[in-house]
Amino acid sequence: MFILKLIIRNAFRHKLRSFLTVLGVAIAILAFGLLRTLVGLWYLGVEQSSATRLVTRNAISLVFSLPISYKDRIRQIPGVKQISYGNWFGGIYIDEKNFFPNFAVEPRSYLELYPEFVLSPGERDAFIHDRRGAVAGRKLAAKYRWKVGDMITLKGTIFPGEWEFVLRGIYRGAQKSTDETQFFFNWEYLNETMKRTVPRRADQAGFYMIGVTKPELAAEVSQAVDSTFRNSLAETLTETEKAFQLSFVSMTEAIMIAIKIVSYVVIVIIMVVAANTMAMTARERIAEYATLKALGFGAGHIAGIVFGESIVIAMIGGGVGVLLTFPAAHWIETELSQFFPVFSVSPLTVYLDLLAALVIGVVASIFPTWRGATIRIADGLRRIG
């Protein structure tokens, strides 16, 4: 108990130095936690992909479409339970800065395939039966203060023109990690407009979503779909939803690696700063350590005092950093929702934060602990006076 009291008192003997060291560790842990959360969320779509959903697109590129007639042939393939289709719309709300994902989809089958988008029965029916009906996520609706029944106008980019929609529902996510910033509307509205304005672009789907009866059939169904349309004018590439999401993530793999490296560099930098602080503290207290040895304290006691002081400072800084991570993540999720629709800190990230703080404390204490434990009494007492 005496040693513990001594450790705590020594840790805050120089209040300004201790405060700045704790602050530095806290900021480093905060940055580390946010960067690790960002990396984890980058792969969130991959992790949440359903094992029973496949995505079929044009084999050349996602930019090229597929005939809508493909849906009937795909539906006849053994193992296919459900099928839906849609187009990436790419519309702009008022200004280019108001970016959010927006799609044209077949309402009934899409909602059946994606039960994570939860609507009330009334909103679901209204969306299905209204050609100009649209559905928005709860966070998206809150951001722009939309209410059910509002008229929403998007400026088309891929499909030029002013597109008016009636908001028929506001969905919530079945889980906290479900993206609630999407906007989707009735595919028939898009198709009917294309028939009147650009007939050659009508009856085309950008992608098909396929639900299989069992996850084990995913590979077999994928091969069957692609074989069905081989040597056609629009050949297909079918892959699991997870592989489809990974294809987008792989485009930014270098960025993710850079972010991971930066997160570790932040820890290394504060580790060096903390080690310098502890070394400075040890140099100032050499005479005290020699006096303790003269009073009968062994090298283990001295090592424990120095080591404990470093751990206390590092873990307090780590705890503060962890506590700051949650409001920071909430602010990012609220203010930057167009880029980070979900920004929640996982328990694993908290554990990594605390582990990083512990490593900082351990590494920073190695040299000061060795020096304090090995100081000779005569050499230490020589510094007194």
Protein backbone atom coordinates (compact mmCIF):
# COMPACT_ATOMS: atom_id res chain seq x y z
CA MET A 1 0.00 0.00 0.00
CA PHE A 2 2.89 2.34 0.82
CA ILE A 3 4.47 1.68 -2.59
CA LEU A 4 1.13 2.37 -4.33
CA LYS A 5 0.71 5.71 -2.53
CA LEU A 6 4.29 6.62 -3.41
CA ILE A 7 3.70 5.78 -7.09
CA ILE A 8 0.56 7.95 -7.29
CA ARG A 9 2.20 10.88 -5.48
CA ASN A 10 5.30 10.70 -7.68
CA ALA A 11 3.17 10.50 -10.83
CA PHE A 12 1.70 13.94 -10.10
CA ARG A 13 4.57 15.60 -8.28
CA HIS A 14 5.21 17.89 -11.27
CA LYS A 15 1.61 18.70 -12.08
CA LEU A 16 2.17 20.58 -15.34
CA ARG A 17 4.52 17.95 -16.75
CA SER A 18 2.20 15.13 -15.73
CA PHE A 19 -0.82 16.95 -17.16
CA LEU A 20 0.90 17.53 -20.51
CA THR A 21 2.07 13.91 -20.67
CA VAL A 22 -1.42 12.62 -19.88
CA LEU A 23 -2.87 15.01 -22.47
CA GLY A 24 -0.37 13.84 -25.09
CA VAL A 25 -1.18 10.18 -24.44
CA ALA A 26 -4.93 10.95 -24.50
CA ILE A 27 -4.71 12.72 -27.85
CA ALA A 28 -2.59 9.91 -29.29
CA ILE A 29 -5.06 7.26 -28.08
CA LEU A 30 -7.98 9.34 -29.39
CA ALA A 31 -6.36 9.59 -32.84
CA PHE A 32 -5.45 5.90 -32.78
CA GLY A 33 -9.00 4.90 -31.86
CA LEU A 34 -10.64 7.07 -34.51
CA LEU A 35 -8.26 5.89 -37.22
CA ARG A 36 -8.79 2.24 -36.28
CA THR A 37 -12.56 2.82 -36.24
CA LEU A 38 -12.35 4.35 -39.71
CA VAL A 39 -10.47 1.33 -41.03
CA GLY A 40 -12.98 -1.03 -39.45
CA LEU A 41 -15.98 0.84 -40.84
CA TRP A 42 -14.42 0.85 -44.30
CA TYR A 43 -14.97 -2.90 -44.28
CA LEU A 44 -18.35 -2.73 -42.55
CA GLY A 45 -20.29 -3.30 -45.78
CA VAL A 46 -18.20 -6.40 -46.45
CA GLU A 47 -18.74 -7.80 -42.95
CA GLN A 48 -22.49 -7.22 -43.05
CA SER A 49 -22.99 -8.75 -46.48
CA SER A 50 -25.52 -11.55 -46.56
CA ALA A 51 -24.27 -15.03 -47.41
CA THR A 52 -27.50 -15.69 -49.33
CA ARG A 53 -27.34 -12.65 -51.64
CA LEU A 54 -25.59 -12.44 -55.00
CA VAL A 55 -25.03 -9.45 -57.26
CA THR A 56 -25.09 -9.72 -61.05
CA ARG A 57 -23.69 -6.94 -63.21
CA ASN A 58 -22.34 -6.45 -66.71
CA ALA A 59 -19.11 -8.44 -67.16
CA ILE A 60 -17.36 -5.45 -68.77
CA SER A 61 -18.07 -2.89 -66.08
CA LEU A 62 -20.71 -1.73 -63.65
CA VAL A 63 -21.12 1.29 -65.92
CA PHE A 64 -22.80 -0.85 -68.58
CA SER A 65 -26.36 -2.04 -68.03
CA LEU A 66 -28.18 -5.35 -68.56
CA PRO A 67 -31.54 -6.00 -70.29
CA ILE A 68 -34.45 -6.17 -67.87
CA SER A 69 -35.53 -9.37 -69.63
CA TYR A 70 -32.69 -11.19 -67.84
CA LYS A 71 -34.72 -11.32 -64.63
CA ASP A 72 -37.12 -13.98 -65.91
CA ARG A 73 -34.29 -16.24 -67.07
CA ILE A 74 -32.39 -15.80 -63.82
CA ARG A 75 -35.50 -16.63 -61.80
CA GLN A 76 -35.71 -20.04 -63.52
CA ILE A 77 -32.21 -21.09 -62.41
CA PRO A 78 -32.29 -23.77 -59.67
CA GLY A 79 -31.37 -22.39 -56.26
CA VAL A 80 -32.69 -18.87 -56.94
CA LYS A 81 -35.24 -17.88 -54.31
CA GLN A 82 -35.74 -14.18 -55.02
CA ILE A 83 -34.56 -11.62 -57.53
CA SER A 84 -34.64 -7.86 -57.63
CA TYR A 85 -33.00 -5.23 -59.78
CA GLY A 86 -32.08 -1.58 -59.81
CA ASN A 87 -29.96 1.27 -61.14
CA TRP A 88 -27.53 3.61 -59.50
CA PHE A 89 -29.20 7.00 -60.03
CA GLY A 90 -26.56 9.47 -58.86
CA GLY A 91 -28.97 12.36 -58.30
CA ILE A 92 -28.07 15.62 -56.55
CA TYR A 93 -30.25 17.28 -53.95
CA ILE A 94 -30.18 21.11 -54.37
CA ASP A 95 -26.36 21.32 -54.38
CA GLU A 96 -23.44 19.05 -55.32
CA LYS A 97 -22.25 18.96 -51.71
CA ASN A 98 -25.44 17.14 -50.68
CA PHE A 99 -24.23 13.70 -51.64
CA PHE A 100 -26.02 10.54 -50.56
CA PRO A 101 -26.54 7.12 -52.22
CA ASN A 102 -29.70 7.03 -54.32
CA PHE A 103 -31.04 4.11 -56.35
CA ALA A 104 -33.96 3.16 -58.54
CA VAL A 105 -35.17 -0.27 -57.37
CA GLU A 106 -38.10 -2.64 -57.77
CA PRO A 107 -39.80 -1.90 -54.43
CA ARG A 108 -41.47 -5.15 -53.41
CA SER A 109 -38.65 -7.57 -54.19
CA TYR A 110 -35.95 -5.18 -52.98
CA LEU A 111 -37.51 -4.81 -49.53
CA GLU A 112 -37.93 -8.59 -49.33
CA LEU A 113 -34.26 -9.11 -50.14
CA TYR A 114 -33.10 -6.42 -47.70
CA PRO A 115 -35.04 -6.91 -44.45
CA GLU A 116 -32.48 -4.71 -42.65
CA PHE A 117 -34.40 -1.71 -44.05
CA VAL A 118 -37.40 -1.58 -41.71
CA LEU A 119 -40.59 0.25 -42.75
CA SER A 120 -44.02 0.31 -41.18
CA PRO A 121 -46.64 -1.73 -43.12
CA GLY A 122 -48.41 1.47 -44.22
CA GLU A 123 -45.24 3.10 -45.51
CA ARG A 124 -44.23 -0.11 -47.24
CA ASP A 125 -47.54 -0.37 -49.12
CA ALA A 126 -47.51 3.31 -50.05
CA PHE A 127 -44.00 3.00 -51.48
CA ILE A 128 -44.82 -0.12 -53.47
CA HIS A 129 -47.96 1.32 -55.08
CA ASP A 130 -46.75 4.84 -55.88
CA ARG A 131 -44.70 5.12 -59.11
CA ARG A 132 -43.12 8.34 -57.86
CA GLY A 133 -42.77 7.06 -54.33
CA ALA A 134 -39.42 7.10 -52.54
CA VAL A 135 -37.97 5.95 -49.23
CA ALA A 136 -35.19 7.63 -47.24
CA GLY A 137 -33.14 6.51 -44.28
CA ARG A 138 -33.86 7.96 -40.86
CA LYS A 139 -30.54 9.86 -40.62
CA LEU A 140 -30.91 11.26 -44.13
CA ALA A 141 -34.47 12.43 -43.44
CA ALA A 142 -33.40 14.03 -40.16
CA LYS A 143 -30.52 15.86 -41.85
CA TYR A 144 -32.76 17.52 -44.45
CA ARG A 145 -35.85 17.64 -42.20
CA TRP A 146 -37.92 15.55 -44.56
CA LYS A 147 -41.31 14.22 -43.52
CA VAL A 148 -43.47 11.52 -45.05
CA GLY A 149 -45.49 13.14 -47.85
CA ASP A 150 -42.86 15.76 -48.75
CA MET A 151 -41.97 16.41 -52.39
CA ILE A 152 -38.25 15.90 -53.03
CA THR A 153 -36.52 16.98 -56.22
CA LEU A 154 -33.22 15.49 -57.37
CA LYS A 155 -31.11 16.75 -60.26
CA GLY A 156 -30.16 13.86 -62.48
CA THR A 157 -26.54 13.37 -63.53
CA ILE A 158 -26.54 9.94 -65.14
CA PHE A 159 -30.18 10.46 -66.06
CA PRO A 160 -30.46 14.23 -66.78
CA GLY A 161 -33.43 16.31 -65.73
CA GLU A 162 -35.39 17.37 -62.66
CA TRP A 163 -36.86 14.31 -60.92
CA GLU A 164 -39.66 14.78 -58.41
CA PHE A 165 -40.42 12.16 -55.77
CA VAL A 166 -42.97 11.79 -53.00
CA LEU A 167 -41.44 10.56 -49.75
CA ARG A 168 -43.61 7.59 -48.81
CA GLY A 169 -41.52 6.16 -45.99
CA ILE A 170 -38.58 6.69 -43.66
CA TYR A 171 -36.80 3.45 -42.88
CA ARG A 172 -34.77 2.60 -39.82
CA GLY A 173 -32.00 0.07 -39.66
CA ALA A 174 -32.67 -3.33 -38.14
CA GLN A 175 -29.25 -2.98 -36.49
CA LYS A 176 -27.29 -0.02 -35.22
CA SER A 177 -24.70 -0.55 -37.98
CA THR A 178 -27.26 -0.44 -40.82
CA ASP A 179 -26.75 2.48 -43.18
CA GLU A 180 -29.62 4.95 -42.66
CA THR A 181 -28.49 7.52 -45.25
CA GLN A 182 -29.74 5.87 -48.44
CA PHE A 183 -32.52 7.00 -50.76
CA PHE A 184 -34.30 4.68 -53.16
CA PHE A 185 -37.32 5.07 -55.39
CA ASN A 186 -39.53 3.10 -57.77
CA TRP A 187 -37.64 1.76 -60.78
CA GLU A 188 -40.81 2.00 -62.94
CA TYR A 189 -40.74 5.79 -62.62
CA LEU A 190 -37.23 5.88 -64.06
CA ASN A 191 -38.05 3.37 -66.80
CA GLU A 192 -41.25 5.11 -67.93
CA THR A 193 -39.41 8.43 -68.17
CA MET A 194 -36.63 6.83 -70.21
CA LYS A 195 -39.19 5.34 -72.61
CA ARG A 196 -40.51 8.85 -73.31
CA THR A 197 -37.20 10.70 -73.44
CA VAL A 198 -34.39 8.26 -74.33
CA PRO A 199 -35.98 4.98 -75.51
CA ARG A 200 -32.64 3.23 -76.02
CA ARG A 201 -31.95 3.52 -72.26
CA ALA A 202 -35.29 2.03 -71.26
CA ASP A 203 -35.79 -1.53 -69.99
CA GLN A 204 -32.25 -1.66 -68.63
CA ALA A 205 -31.06 -2.60 -65.15
CA GLY A 206 -27.71 -1.63 -63.72
CA PHE A 207 -27.55 -4.70 -61.49
CA TYR A 208 -29.55 -7.67 -60.27
CA MET A 209 -29.73 -8.79 -56.63
CA ILE A 210 -30.33 -12.50 -56.28
CA GLY A 211 -31.41 -14.34 -53.15
CA VAL A 212 -30.38 -18.02 -53.04
CA THR A 213 -32.09 -20.71 -51.01
CA LYS A 214 -28.90 -21.76 -49.17
CA PRO A 215 -25.47 -20.15 -48.79
CA GLU A 216 -23.80 -23.34 -50.04
CA LEU A 217 -25.45 -22.81 -53.44
CA ALA A 218 -23.93 -19.35 -53.99
CA ALA A 219 -21.02 -20.52 -56.16
CA GLU A 220 -23.18 -22.93 -58.15
CA VAL A 221 -25.88 -20.32 -58.84
CA SER A 222 -23.24 -17.71 -59.79
CA GLN A 223 -21.76 -20.04 -62.39
CA ALA A 224 -25.20 -20.96 -63.71
CA VAL A 225 -26.21 -17.30 -64.16
CA ASP A 226 -23.01 -16.40 -66.00
CA SER A 227 -23.23 -19.53 -68.16
CA THR A 228 -26.79 -18.61 -69.16
CA PHE A 229 -25.67 -15.31 -70.67
CA ARG A 230 -22.27 -16.35 -72.01
CA ASN A 231 -21.68 -15.19 -75.61
CA SER A 232 -24.66 -12.83 -75.40
CA LEU A 233 -24.44 -9.11 -76.21
CA ALA A 234 -24.36 -8.37 -72.48
CA GLU A 235 -22.43 -11.05 -70.61
CA THR A 236 -22.73 -11.08 -66.83
CA LEU A 237 -20.46 -11.32 -63.83
CA THR A 238 -22.14 -12.77 -60.74
CA GLU A 239 -20.49 -12.75 -57.34
CA THR A 240 -21.48 -12.86 -53.71
CA GLU A 241 -22.51 -9.61 -52.11
CA LYS A 242 -19.35 -9.79 -50.00
CA ALA A 243 -17.11 -10.12 -53.07
CA PHE A 244 -19.01 -7.28 -54.75
CA GLN A 245 -18.39 -5.00 -51.75
CA LEU A 246 -14.73 -6.08 -51.61
CA SER A 247 -14.24 -5.00 -55.22
CA PHE A 248 -14.98 -1.42 -54.16
CA VAL A 249 -12.90 -1.63 -50.99
CA SER A 250 -9.91 -2.97 -52.95
CA MET A 251 -9.83 0.26 -54.97
CA THR A 252 -8.88 2.14 -51.80
CA GLU A 253 -6.66 -0.52 -50.22
CA ALA A 254 -3.58 1.72 -50.44
CA ILE A 255 -5.42 4.46 -48.51
CA MET A 256 -6.40 2.00 -45.78
CA ILE A 257 -2.82 0.78 -45.45
CA ALA A 258 -1.63 4.38 -45.15
CA ILE A 259 -4.21 5.08 -42.42
CA LYS A 260 -3.10 1.98 -40.50
CA ILE A 261 0.53 3.08 -40.72
CA VAL A 262 -0.36 6.58 -39.51
CA SER A 263 -2.24 5.12 -36.52
CA TYR A 264 0.86 3.19 -35.45
CA VAL A 265 3.17 6.15 -36.10
CA VAL A 266 1.05 8.26 -33.73
CA ILE A 267 1.58 5.69 -30.97
CA VAL A 268 5.33 5.48 -31.64
CA ILE A 269 5.68 9.27 -31.47
CA ILE A 270 3.90 9.61 -28.15
CA MET A 271 5.88 6.60 -26.90
CA VAL A 272 9.11 8.47 -27.58
CA VAL A 273 7.76 11.61 -25.90
CA ALA A 274 6.64 9.66 -22.82
CA ALA A 275 10.00 7.84 -22.65
CA ASN A 276 11.81 11.18 -22.70
CA THR A 277 9.56 12.49 -19.91
CA MET A 278 10.16 9.44 -17.74
CA ALA A 279 13.89 9.57 -18.39
CA MET A 280 13.90 13.21 -17.30
CA THR A 281 11.99 12.27 -14.15
CA ALA A 282 14.41 9.46 -13.38
CA ARG A 283 17.43 11.75 -13.72
CA GLU A 284 15.90 14.24 -11.28
CA ARG A 285 15.23 11.53 -8.69
CA ILE A 286 18.49 9.60 -8.73
CA ALA A 287 19.37 10.92 -5.27
CA GLU A 288 15.94 9.87 -3.96
CA TYR A 289 16.36 6.34 -5.31
CA ALA A 290 19.79 6.12 -3.67
CA THR A 291 18.32 7.29 -0.38
CA LEU A 292 15.57 4.65 -0.57
CA LYS A 293 18.21 2.01 -1.20
CA ALA A 294 20.18 3.26 1.80
CA LEU A 295 17.03 2.89 3.92
CA GLY A 296 16.73 -0.75 2.90
CA PHE A 297 14.54 -0.71 -0.21
CA GLY A 298 15.74 -3.18 -2.81
CA ALA A 299 16.21 -2.79 -6.55
CA GLY A 300 12.81 -4.42 -7.11
CA HIS A 301 11.07 -1.76 -5.04
CA ILE A 302 12.77 1.04 -6.97
CA ALA A 303 11.94 -0.62 -10.29
CA GLY A 304 8.31 -1.03 -9.20
CA ILE A 305 8.03 2.66 -8.27
CA VAL A 306 9.43 3.91 -11.59
CA PHE A 307 7.55 1.33 -13.65
CA GLY A 308 4.29 1.97 -11.79
CA GLU A 309 4.56 5.74 -12.25
CA SER A 310 4.90 5.33 -16.02
CA ILE A 311 1.98 2.89 -16.18
CA VAL A 312 -0.27 5.16 -14.09
CA ILE A 313 0.37 8.19 -16.31
CA ALA A 314 -0.04 6.19 -19.52
CA MET A 315 -3.24 4.42 -18.43
CA ILE A 316 -4.84 7.64 -17.17
CA GLY A 317 -4.06 9.21 -20.55
CA GLY A 318 -5.38 6.10 -22.29
CA GLY A 319 -8.59 6.17 -20.26
CA VAL A 320 -9.15 9.84 -21.07
CA GLY A 321 -8.47 9.12 -24.74
CA VAL A 322 -11.01 6.28 -24.76
CA LEU A 323 -13.64 8.47 -23.08
CA LEU A 324 -13.04 11.23 -25.66
CA THR A 325 -13.36 8.75 -28.54
CA PHE A 326 -17.11 8.27 -28.06
CA PRO A 327 -18.21 11.94 -28.30
CA ALA A 328 -15.74 12.45 -31.15
CA ALA A 329 -17.21 9.47 -33.01
CA HIS A 330 -20.74 10.77 -32.38
CA TRP A 331 -19.78 14.19 -33.75
CA ILE A 332 -18.29 12.61 -36.88
CA GLU A 333 -21.38 10.45 -37.40
CA THR A 334 -23.66 13.48 -36.97
CA GLU A 335 -21.76 16.20 -38.83
CA LEU A 336 -20.12 14.07 -41.54
CA SER A 337 -22.91 11.56 -42.12
CA GLN A 338 -22.62 11.87 -45.92
CA PHE A 339 -19.14 10.35 -45.65
CA PHE A 340 -19.54 8.22 -42.51
CA PRO A 341 -23.20 7.14 -42.18
CA VAL A 342 -22.16 4.82 -39.35
CA PHE A 343 -19.24 5.67 -37.07
CA SER A 344 -19.51 3.56 -33.94
CA VAL A 345 -16.58 2.54 -31.77
CA SER A 346 -16.39 -1.22 -31.33
CA PRO A 347 -15.33 -2.97 -28.09
CA LEU A 348 -12.28 -4.30 -29.95
CA THR A 349 -11.16 -0.72 -30.67
CA VAL A 350 -11.48 0.15 -26.96
CA TYR A 351 -9.36 -2.88 -26.05
CA LEU A 352 -6.75 -1.89 -28.63
CA ASP A 353 -6.71 1.66 -27.24
CA LEU A 354 -6.06 0.42 -23.72
CA LEU A 355 -3.45 -2.02 -24.97
CA ALA A 356 -1.71 0.78 -26.86
CA ALA A 357 -1.71 2.92 -23.68
CA LEU A 358 -0.24 0.02 -21.73
CA VAL A 359 2.49 -0.49 -24.35
CA ILE A 360 3.32 3.23 -24.18
CA GLY A 361 3.67 3.01 -20.41
CA VAL A 362 5.80 -0.16 -20.50
CA VAL A 363 8.15 0.99 -23.26
CA ALA A 364 8.53 4.49 -21.79
CA SER A 365 9.55 3.00 -18.43
CA ILE A 366 12.20 0.52 -19.61
CA PHE A 367 15.28 2.77 -19.45
CA PRO A 368 14.24 4.82 -16.37
CA THR A 369 13.37 1.59 -14.51
CA TRP A 370 16.72 0.03 -15.34
CA ARG A 371 18.57 3.17 -14.33
CA GLY A 372 16.75 3.56 -11.03
CA ALA A 373 17.13 -0.10 -10.11
CA THR A 374 20.86 -0.29 -10.89
CA ILE A 375 22.02 3.04 -9.42
CA ARG A 376 24.70 2.63 -6.81
CA ILE A 377 24.01 4.28 -3.45
CA ALA A 378 27.31 6.18 -3.45
CA ASP A 379 26.74 7.52 -6.98
CA GLY A 380 23.23 8.62 -6.13
CA LEU A 381 24.06 10.29 -2.85
CA ARG A 382 26.87 12.17 -4.52
CA ARG A 383 24.16 14.26 -6.27
CA ILE A 384 22.71 15.53 -2.99
CA GLY A 385 23.62 19.12 -2.29
